[in-house]
Amino acid sequence: MKSILNSIIFRVVLALFLGTFAAQADPYAKGSTVKAFSAKDQHEQAYTFDAKNTRYLLVSHDMDTGKKANGALSVLGKDHLPGKKAVYIANIHGMPGIGRMFALPKMKKYNHRIILGDDAELIANFPEQKGKVTVLGLSSGKVTSVQYWDPATEGVNNFLK
């Protein structure tokens, strides 16, 4: 009886373990299709990903890179990203409450729209290079290119062509 119970427990644990890995997809790569998602922006306005009208997704993964990206994007004006059919997502998932208390009001001061990536699964879908903003080129929601923009040293328009 004890060995049957141990066998059942082992199978359940193994199934849960394997299911966890199956649920974690690889980050987007060329040829991937971006999953539909919704989030809020820095002004608490709803945003829903529009595959037909989005040509670029820019994702900053950490606060330091995000600050540099926001500085560079702010200079370009609020209409620059929409004019390029580009959407900027800032990873705020895992940001502690005290950090949010200071960061979110600062984000409201930027003239460009910042989609708040507050979902671990959403953010995990985007590939990452330390200190760079991920730039996915899209066509009808399918990834056509994966590039990495260093907002401290490069202009974003080189990535939005």
N, C-alpha and C. Protein backbone atom coordinates (compact mmCIF):
# COMPACT_ATOMS: atom_id res chain seq x y z
N MET A 1 0.81 -1.19 0.00
CA MET A 1 0.00 0.00 0.00
C MET A 1 0.87 1.27 0.00
N LYS A 2 1.91 1.25 0.82
CA LYS A 2 2.79 2.41 0.92
C LYS A 2 3.50 2.67 -0.41
N SER A 3 3.95 1.61 -1.10
CA SER A 3 4.63 1.80 -2.38
C SER A 3 3.68 2.32 -3.45
N ILE A 4 2.42 1.92 -3.41
CA ILE A 4 1.43 2.42 -4.37
C ILE A 4 1.20 3.91 -4.12
N LEU A 5 1.08 4.30 -2.86
CA LEU A 5 0.89 5.70 -2.51
C LEU A 5 2.10 6.53 -2.93
N ASN A 6 3.30 6.02 -2.68
CA ASN A 6 4.52 6.72 -3.10
C ASN A 6 4.57 6.86 -4.61
N SER A 7 4.16 5.83 -5.32
CA SER A 7 4.15 5.86 -6.78
C SER A 7 3.18 6.92 -7.30
N ILE A 8 2.01 7.00 -6.68
CA ILE A 8 1.02 8.01 -7.08
C ILE A 8 1.54 9.41 -6.80
N ILE A 9 2.12 9.61 -5.63
CA ILE A 9 2.67 10.93 -5.28
C ILE A 9 3.78 11.31 -6.26
N PHE A 10 4.66 10.37 -6.57
CA PHE A 10 5.74 10.62 -7.51
C PHE A 10 5.18 11.03 -8.87
N ARG A 11 4.16 10.35 -9.35
CA ARG A 11 3.57 10.67 -10.66
C ARG A 11 2.92 12.05 -10.66
N VAL A 12 2.25 12.38 -9.57
CA VAL A 12 1.61 13.70 -9.47
C VAL A 12 2.67 14.79 -9.47
N VAL A 13 3.71 14.62 -8.68
CA VAL A 13 4.79 15.62 -8.62
C VAL A 13 5.47 15.74 -9.98
N LEU A 14 5.73 14.62 -10.62
CA LEU A 14 6.36 14.64 -11.95
C LEU A 14 5.48 15.35 -12.96
N ALA A 15 4.19 15.09 -12.94
CA ALA A 15 3.25 15.74 -13.87
C ALA A 15 3.23 17.25 -13.64
N LEU A 16 3.20 17.66 -12.38
CA LEU A 16 3.22 19.09 -12.07
C LEU A 16 4.52 19.73 -12.53
N PHE A 17 5.63 19.05 -12.30
CA PHE A 17 6.93 19.56 -12.70
C PHE A 17 7.01 19.72 -14.21
N LEU A 18 6.62 18.70 -14.94
CA LEU A 18 6.65 18.76 -16.41
C LEU A 18 5.65 19.78 -16.95
N GLY A 19 4.52 19.91 -16.31
CA GLY A 19 3.52 20.89 -16.72
C GLY A 19 4.01 22.31 -16.56
N THR A 20 4.80 22.55 -15.53
CA THR A 20 5.37 23.88 -15.32
C THR A 20 6.30 24.25 -16.47
N PHE A 21 7.13 23.31 -16.90
CA PHE A 21 8.03 23.59 -18.00
C PHE A 21 7.28 23.75 -19.31
N ALA A 22 6.22 22.99 -19.52
CA ALA A 22 5.43 23.11 -20.74
C ALA A 22 4.74 24.46 -20.82
N ALA A 23 4.35 25.00 -19.66
CA ALA A 23 3.64 26.28 -19.63
C ALA A 23 4.59 27.46 -19.89
N GLN A 24 5.87 27.27 -19.64
CA GLN A 24 6.82 28.35 -19.84
C GLN A 24 7.37 28.26 -21.26
N ALA A 25 6.85 29.11 -22.13
CA ALA A 25 7.27 29.10 -23.52
C ALA A 25 8.60 29.84 -23.66
N ASP A 26 9.29 29.55 -24.74
CA ASP A 26 10.52 30.27 -25.04
C ASP A 26 10.17 31.72 -25.38
N PRO A 27 11.11 32.63 -25.15
CA PRO A 27 10.85 34.03 -25.54
C PRO A 27 10.62 34.14 -27.05
N TYR A 28 9.95 35.20 -27.42
CA TYR A 28 9.67 35.43 -28.84
C TYR A 28 10.95 35.43 -29.64
N ALA A 29 10.86 34.86 -30.83
CA ALA A 29 11.98 34.82 -31.78
C ALA A 29 11.39 35.08 -33.16
N LYS A 30 12.25 35.28 -34.12
CA LYS A 30 11.81 35.51 -35.49
C LYS A 30 10.88 34.36 -35.90
N GLY A 31 9.70 34.72 -36.41
CA GLY A 31 8.71 33.73 -36.80
C GLY A 31 7.64 33.46 -35.76
N SER A 32 7.88 33.88 -34.50
CA SER A 32 6.88 33.70 -33.44
C SER A 32 5.70 34.64 -33.67
N THR A 33 4.59 34.29 -33.10
CA THR A 33 3.42 35.17 -33.12
C THR A 33 3.22 35.73 -31.71
N VAL A 34 3.10 37.04 -31.61
CA VAL A 34 2.92 37.70 -30.32
C VAL A 34 1.50 37.41 -29.83
N LYS A 35 1.42 36.93 -28.61
CA LYS A 35 0.12 36.62 -27.99
C LYS A 35 -0.62 37.91 -27.66
N ALA A 36 -1.92 37.86 -27.80
CA ALA A 36 -2.75 39.01 -27.42
C ALA A 36 -2.56 39.29 -25.93
N PHE A 37 -2.52 40.56 -25.58
CA PHE A 37 -2.41 40.94 -24.18
C PHE A 37 -3.05 42.30 -23.96
N SER A 38 -3.39 42.55 -22.72
CA SER A 38 -3.93 43.84 -22.31
C SER A 38 -3.17 44.30 -21.08
N ALA A 39 -3.06 45.59 -20.93
CA ALA A 39 -2.37 46.17 -19.78
C ALA A 39 -2.86 47.61 -19.63
N LYS A 40 -2.29 48.29 -18.68
CA LYS A 40 -2.60 49.72 -18.50
C LYS A 40 -1.35 50.53 -18.77
N ASP A 41 -1.56 51.80 -19.13
CA ASP A 41 -0.42 52.68 -19.32
C ASP A 41 -0.16 53.48 -18.06
N GLN A 42 0.80 54.39 -18.12
CA GLN A 42 1.19 55.15 -16.93
C GLN A 42 0.10 56.08 -16.43
N HIS A 43 -0.94 56.30 -17.26
CA HIS A 43 -2.06 57.14 -16.85
C HIS A 43 -3.28 56.30 -16.51
N GLU A 44 -3.05 54.98 -16.31
CA GLU A 44 -4.08 54.02 -15.95
C GLU A 44 -5.13 53.83 -17.05
N GLN A 45 -4.76 54.15 -18.29
CA GLN A 45 -5.64 53.92 -19.43
C GLN A 45 -5.40 52.51 -19.97
N ALA A 46 -6.47 51.85 -20.37
CA ALA A 46 -6.37 50.48 -20.88
C ALA A 46 -5.67 50.45 -22.23
N TYR A 47 -4.90 49.41 -22.44
CA TYR A 47 -4.23 49.16 -23.72
C TYR A 47 -4.44 47.69 -24.07
N THR A 48 -4.79 47.43 -25.32
CA THR A 48 -4.88 46.08 -25.83
C THR A 48 -4.01 45.99 -27.07
N PHE A 49 -3.14 45.01 -27.11
CA PHE A 49 -2.24 44.81 -28.24
C PHE A 49 -3.05 44.64 -29.52
N ASP A 50 -2.69 45.40 -30.54
CA ASP A 50 -3.36 45.36 -31.84
C ASP A 50 -2.35 44.86 -32.88
N ALA A 51 -2.42 43.58 -33.19
CA ALA A 51 -1.45 42.95 -34.09
C ALA A 51 -1.42 43.59 -35.47
N LYS A 52 -2.57 44.03 -35.96
CA LYS A 52 -2.63 44.59 -37.32
C LYS A 52 -1.98 45.96 -37.42
N ASN A 53 -2.01 46.72 -36.32
CA ASN A 53 -1.53 48.10 -36.37
C ASN A 53 -0.29 48.36 -35.54
N THR A 54 0.40 47.31 -35.12
CA THR A 54 1.63 47.48 -34.35
C THR A 54 2.78 46.92 -35.18
N ARG A 55 3.73 47.78 -35.49
CA ARG A 55 4.89 47.39 -36.29
C ARG A 55 6.10 47.06 -35.42
N TYR A 56 6.16 47.69 -34.22
CA TYR A 56 7.29 47.49 -33.32
C TYR A 56 6.81 47.42 -31.87
N LEU A 57 7.40 46.51 -31.12
CA LEU A 57 7.22 46.45 -29.67
C LEU A 57 8.58 46.68 -29.04
N LEU A 58 8.69 47.69 -28.20
CA LEU A 58 9.92 47.99 -27.47
C LEU A 58 9.68 47.63 -26.02
N VAL A 59 10.60 46.88 -25.42
CA VAL A 59 10.42 46.44 -24.04
C VAL A 59 11.69 46.70 -23.24
N SER A 60 11.56 47.51 -22.19
CA SER A 60 12.68 47.68 -21.26
C SER A 60 12.44 46.73 -20.11
N HIS A 61 13.51 46.04 -19.72
CA HIS A 61 13.38 44.99 -18.71
C HIS A 61 13.79 45.43 -17.30
N ASP A 62 14.52 46.53 -17.18
CA ASP A 62 14.96 46.96 -15.85
C ASP A 62 14.82 48.47 -15.73
N MET A 63 14.84 48.94 -14.50
CA MET A 63 14.58 50.35 -14.23
C MET A 63 15.62 51.27 -14.84
N ASP A 64 16.89 50.93 -14.75
CA ASP A 64 17.93 51.80 -15.28
C ASP A 64 17.81 51.96 -16.79
N THR A 65 17.63 50.86 -17.49
CA THR A 65 17.45 50.93 -18.95
C THR A 65 16.17 51.67 -19.28
N GLY A 66 15.12 51.44 -18.50
CA GLY A 66 13.86 52.12 -18.72
C GLY A 66 13.99 53.63 -18.58
N LYS A 67 14.74 54.08 -17.59
CA LYS A 67 14.95 55.53 -17.43
C LYS A 67 15.65 56.13 -18.64
N LYS A 68 16.67 55.42 -19.14
CA LYS A 68 17.39 55.91 -20.32
C LYS A 68 16.49 55.92 -21.55
N ALA A 69 15.69 54.87 -21.70
CA ALA A 69 14.77 54.80 -22.83
C ALA A 69 13.72 55.91 -22.74
N ASN A 70 13.17 56.13 -21.55
CA ASN A 70 12.17 57.18 -21.39
C ASN A 70 12.75 58.55 -21.70
N GLY A 71 13.99 58.78 -21.29
CA GLY A 71 14.63 60.05 -21.61
C GLY A 71 14.77 60.25 -23.12
N ALA A 72 15.21 59.21 -23.81
CA ALA A 72 15.39 59.29 -25.26
C ALA A 72 14.05 59.42 -25.98
N LEU A 73 13.05 58.69 -25.55
CA LEU A 73 11.74 58.73 -26.21
C LEU A 73 11.01 60.03 -25.93
N SER A 74 11.18 60.57 -24.75
CA SER A 74 10.52 61.82 -24.38
C SER A 74 10.94 62.97 -25.29
N VAL A 75 12.21 62.99 -25.63
CA VAL A 75 12.74 64.05 -26.51
C VAL A 75 12.07 64.02 -27.88
N LEU A 76 11.67 62.84 -28.32
CA LEU A 76 11.07 62.68 -29.65
C LEU A 76 9.61 63.12 -29.72
N GLY A 77 8.97 63.28 -28.57
CA GLY A 77 7.59 63.75 -28.53
C GLY A 77 6.57 62.62 -28.45
N LYS A 78 5.37 62.99 -28.04
CA LYS A 78 4.33 61.98 -27.77
C LYS A 78 3.81 61.29 -29.02
N ASP A 79 3.95 61.89 -30.18
CA ASP A 79 3.41 61.31 -31.41
C ASP A 79 4.42 60.47 -32.17
N HIS A 80 5.67 60.45 -31.72
CA HIS A 80 6.71 59.74 -32.47
C HIS A 80 6.45 58.23 -32.54
N LEU A 81 6.26 57.60 -31.40
CA LEU A 81 6.04 56.15 -31.40
C LEU A 81 4.76 55.76 -32.14
N PRO A 82 3.63 56.41 -31.90
CA PRO A 82 2.43 56.06 -32.67
C PRO A 82 2.64 56.27 -34.18
N GLY A 83 3.40 57.29 -34.55
CA GLY A 83 3.69 57.53 -35.96
C GLY A 83 4.50 56.42 -36.60
N LYS A 84 5.27 55.73 -35.80
CA LYS A 84 6.07 54.59 -36.28
C LYS A 84 5.34 53.26 -36.03
N LYS A 85 4.12 53.34 -35.51
CA LYS A 85 3.34 52.15 -35.13
C LYS A 85 4.12 51.30 -34.12
N ALA A 86 4.71 52.03 -33.17
CA ALA A 86 5.54 51.40 -32.14
C ALA A 86 4.89 51.56 -30.77
N VAL A 87 5.07 50.55 -29.93
CA VAL A 87 4.53 50.55 -28.58
C VAL A 87 5.69 50.26 -27.63
N TYR A 88 5.74 51.05 -26.56
CA TYR A 88 6.81 50.90 -25.57
C TYR A 88 6.23 50.30 -24.29
N ILE A 89 6.85 49.20 -23.83
CA ILE A 89 6.43 48.51 -22.62
C ILE A 89 7.57 48.58 -21.60
N ALA A 90 7.24 48.99 -20.39
CA ALA A 90 8.22 49.02 -19.31
C ALA A 90 7.88 47.92 -18.32
N ASN A 91 8.85 47.09 -18.02
CA ASN A 91 8.67 46.01 -17.05
C ASN A 91 8.62 46.60 -15.64
N ILE A 92 7.46 46.49 -15.02
CA ILE A 92 7.36 46.92 -13.63
C ILE A 92 7.02 45.73 -12.74
N HIS A 93 6.96 44.55 -13.33
CA HIS A 93 6.66 43.35 -12.54
C HIS A 93 7.80 43.14 -11.53
N GLY A 94 7.44 42.87 -10.33
CA GLY A 94 8.44 42.64 -9.31
C GLY A 94 8.94 43.91 -8.64
N MET A 95 8.50 45.07 -9.15
CA MET A 95 8.90 46.33 -8.51
C MET A 95 8.19 46.43 -7.16
N PRO A 96 8.94 46.62 -6.10
CA PRO A 96 8.30 46.70 -4.78
C PRO A 96 7.39 47.93 -4.67
N GLY A 97 6.46 47.85 -3.74
CA GLY A 97 5.49 48.92 -3.54
C GLY A 97 6.13 50.27 -3.33
N ILE A 98 7.21 50.31 -2.56
CA ILE A 98 7.88 51.59 -2.31
C ILE A 98 8.48 52.15 -3.60
N GLY A 99 9.00 51.28 -4.44
CA GLY A 99 9.53 51.71 -5.74
C GLY A 99 8.44 52.25 -6.64
N ARG A 100 7.30 51.59 -6.63
CA ARG A 100 6.17 52.04 -7.44
C ARG A 100 5.68 53.41 -6.98
N MET A 101 5.74 53.62 -5.68
CA MET A 101 5.28 54.88 -5.12
C MET A 101 6.04 56.07 -5.72
N PHE A 102 7.30 55.84 -6.06
CA PHE A 102 8.11 56.91 -6.64
C PHE A 102 8.15 56.84 -8.17
N ALA A 103 8.21 55.63 -8.72
CA ALA A 103 8.39 55.46 -10.17
C ALA A 103 7.15 55.83 -10.97
N LEU A 104 5.99 55.40 -10.53
CA LEU A 104 4.78 55.63 -11.32
C LEU A 104 4.44 57.12 -11.48
N PRO A 105 4.54 57.93 -10.44
CA PRO A 105 4.31 59.37 -10.66
C PRO A 105 5.33 59.99 -11.63
N LYS A 106 6.57 59.52 -11.60
CA LYS A 106 7.57 60.03 -12.55
C LYS A 106 7.21 59.64 -13.97
N MET A 107 6.71 58.42 -14.14
CA MET A 107 6.33 57.96 -15.49
C MET A 107 5.20 58.80 -16.07
N LYS A 108 4.34 59.32 -15.22
CA LYS A 108 3.21 60.13 -15.70
C LYS A 108 3.69 61.43 -16.32
N LYS A 109 4.89 61.84 -16.01
CA LYS A 109 5.42 63.10 -16.54
C LYS A 109 5.93 62.96 -17.98
N TYR A 110 6.18 61.72 -18.42
CA TYR A 110 6.66 61.53 -19.79
C TYR A 110 5.54 61.75 -20.78
N ASN A 111 5.88 62.38 -21.92
CA ASN A 111 4.85 62.70 -22.90
C ASN A 111 4.49 61.51 -23.81
N HIS A 112 5.33 60.49 -23.85
CA HIS A 112 5.02 59.30 -24.66
C HIS A 112 4.29 58.28 -23.79
N ARG A 113 3.57 57.40 -24.46
CA ARG A 113 2.80 56.38 -23.75
C ARG A 113 3.72 55.24 -23.31
N ILE A 114 3.56 54.84 -22.06
CA ILE A 114 4.32 53.73 -21.49
C ILE A 114 3.34 52.66 -21.04
N ILE A 115 3.38 51.52 -21.68
CA ILE A 115 2.54 50.41 -21.27
C ILE A 115 3.25 49.73 -20.10
N LEU A 116 2.54 49.50 -19.02
CA LEU A 116 3.13 48.94 -17.81
C LEU A 116 3.05 47.41 -17.85
N GLY A 117 4.20 46.80 -17.99
CA GLY A 117 4.29 45.34 -18.01
C GLY A 117 4.35 44.81 -16.59
N ASP A 118 3.18 44.55 -16.04
CA ASP A 118 3.10 44.13 -14.63
C ASP A 118 2.71 42.66 -14.51
N ASP A 119 2.94 41.90 -15.56
CA ASP A 119 2.57 40.48 -15.59
C ASP A 119 3.82 39.68 -15.92
N ALA A 120 4.22 38.80 -15.01
CA ALA A 120 5.46 38.02 -15.21
C ALA A 120 5.42 37.21 -16.49
N GLU A 121 4.28 36.63 -16.81
CA GLU A 121 4.17 35.81 -18.03
C GLU A 121 4.34 36.67 -19.28
N LEU A 122 3.75 37.86 -19.28
CA LEU A 122 3.89 38.77 -20.42
C LEU A 122 5.36 39.13 -20.62
N ILE A 123 6.03 39.56 -19.59
CA ILE A 123 7.42 40.00 -19.68
C ILE A 123 8.33 38.84 -20.06
N ALA A 124 8.06 37.65 -19.55
CA ALA A 124 8.90 36.48 -19.85
C ALA A 124 8.90 36.13 -21.33
N ASN A 125 7.88 36.58 -22.07
CA ASN A 125 7.80 36.29 -23.50
C ASN A 125 8.84 37.06 -24.32
N PHE A 126 9.38 38.12 -23.77
CA PHE A 126 10.29 38.98 -24.53
C PHE A 126 11.74 38.64 -24.24
N PRO A 127 12.52 38.40 -25.28
CA PRO A 127 13.95 38.13 -25.05
C PRO A 127 14.60 39.36 -24.42
N GLU A 128 15.75 39.14 -23.81
CA GLU A 128 16.39 40.23 -23.06
C GLU A 128 17.90 40.20 -23.23
N GLN A 129 18.47 41.40 -23.38
CA GLN A 129 19.91 41.59 -23.26
C GLN A 129 20.11 42.66 -22.20
N LYS A 130 20.96 42.38 -21.25
CA LYS A 130 21.18 43.30 -20.13
C LYS A 130 21.53 44.70 -20.63
N GLY A 131 20.85 45.68 -20.07
CA GLY A 131 21.13 47.08 -20.38
C GLY A 131 20.58 47.56 -21.71
N LYS A 132 19.75 46.74 -22.36
CA LYS A 132 19.21 47.14 -23.67
C LYS A 132 17.70 46.95 -23.70
N VAL A 133 17.07 47.70 -24.59
CA VAL A 133 15.64 47.60 -24.82
C VAL A 133 15.44 46.61 -25.97
N THR A 134 14.58 45.63 -25.74
CA THR A 134 14.25 44.67 -26.80
C THR A 134 13.35 45.37 -27.80
N VAL A 135 13.66 45.23 -29.09
CA VAL A 135 12.85 45.80 -30.16
C VAL A 135 12.42 44.67 -31.08
N LEU A 136 11.14 44.35 -31.03
CA LEU A 136 10.61 43.33 -31.93
C LEU A 136 9.98 44.01 -33.13
N GLY A 137 10.42 43.65 -34.33
CA GLY A 137 9.76 44.08 -35.55
C GLY A 137 8.62 43.12 -35.81
N LEU A 138 7.46 43.64 -36.19
CA LEU A 138 6.27 42.81 -36.37
C LEU A 138 5.61 43.04 -37.72
N SER A 139 4.94 42.03 -38.18
CA SER A 139 4.07 42.12 -39.35
C SER A 139 2.84 41.26 -39.03
N SER A 140 1.70 41.92 -38.87
CA SER A 140 0.46 41.23 -38.49
C SER A 140 0.64 40.36 -37.25
N GLY A 141 1.41 40.84 -36.29
CA GLY A 141 1.60 40.14 -35.03
C GLY A 141 2.69 39.09 -35.05
N LYS A 142 3.29 38.85 -36.20
CA LYS A 142 4.37 37.86 -36.30
C LYS A 142 5.71 38.59 -36.21
N VAL A 143 6.65 38.03 -35.45
CA VAL A 143 7.95 38.65 -35.25
C VAL A 143 8.79 38.49 -36.51
N THR A 144 9.21 39.63 -37.06
CA THR A 144 10.06 39.62 -38.26
C THR A 144 11.52 39.90 -37.92
N SER A 145 11.76 40.51 -36.75
CA SER A 145 13.13 40.79 -36.32
C SER A 145 13.18 40.96 -34.82
N VAL A 146 14.34 40.63 -34.25
CA VAL A 146 14.60 40.85 -32.83
C VAL A 146 15.91 41.61 -32.76
N GLN A 147 15.84 42.83 -32.19
CA GLN A 147 17.02 43.67 -32.07
C GLN A 147 17.09 44.20 -30.64
N TYR A 148 18.23 44.78 -30.31
CA TYR A 148 18.42 45.32 -28.96
C TYR A 148 18.99 46.73 -29.06
N TRP A 149 18.25 47.66 -28.50
CA TRP A 149 18.58 49.08 -28.55
C TRP A 149 19.21 49.51 -27.22
N ASP A 150 20.36 50.15 -27.31
CA ASP A 150 21.01 50.72 -26.14
C ASP A 150 20.66 52.20 -26.10
N PRO A 151 19.67 52.59 -25.30
CA PRO A 151 19.23 53.99 -25.30
C PRO A 151 20.28 54.98 -24.79
N ALA A 152 21.34 54.48 -24.17
CA ALA A 152 22.39 55.38 -23.68
C ALA A 152 23.33 55.80 -24.81
N THR A 153 23.40 54.99 -25.87
CA THR A 153 24.40 55.27 -26.92
C THR A 153 23.84 55.31 -28.34
N GLU A 154 22.58 54.88 -28.53
CA GLU A 154 22.03 54.79 -29.89
C GLU A 154 20.69 55.50 -29.98
N GLY A 155 20.38 55.97 -31.18
CA GLY A 155 19.08 56.54 -31.44
C GLY A 155 18.08 55.42 -31.75
N VAL A 156 16.86 55.58 -31.31
CA VAL A 156 15.86 54.54 -31.51
C VAL A 156 15.43 54.42 -32.97
N ASN A 157 15.52 55.48 -33.73
CA ASN A 157 15.03 55.43 -35.11
C ASN A 157 15.81 54.46 -35.98
N ASN A 158 17.03 54.12 -35.60
CA ASN A 158 17.78 53.10 -36.34
C ASN A 158 17.09 51.74 -36.26
N PHE A 159 16.24 51.57 -35.26
CA PHE A 159 15.55 50.29 -35.04
C PHE A 159 14.11 50.31 -35.53
N LEU A 160 13.64 51.47 -35.93
CA LEU A 160 12.24 51.61 -36.35
C LEU A 160 12.16 51.93 -37.84
N LYS A 161 12.79 51.09 -38.64
CA LYS A 161 12.81 51.32 -40.11
C LYS A 161 12.02 50.27 -40.81
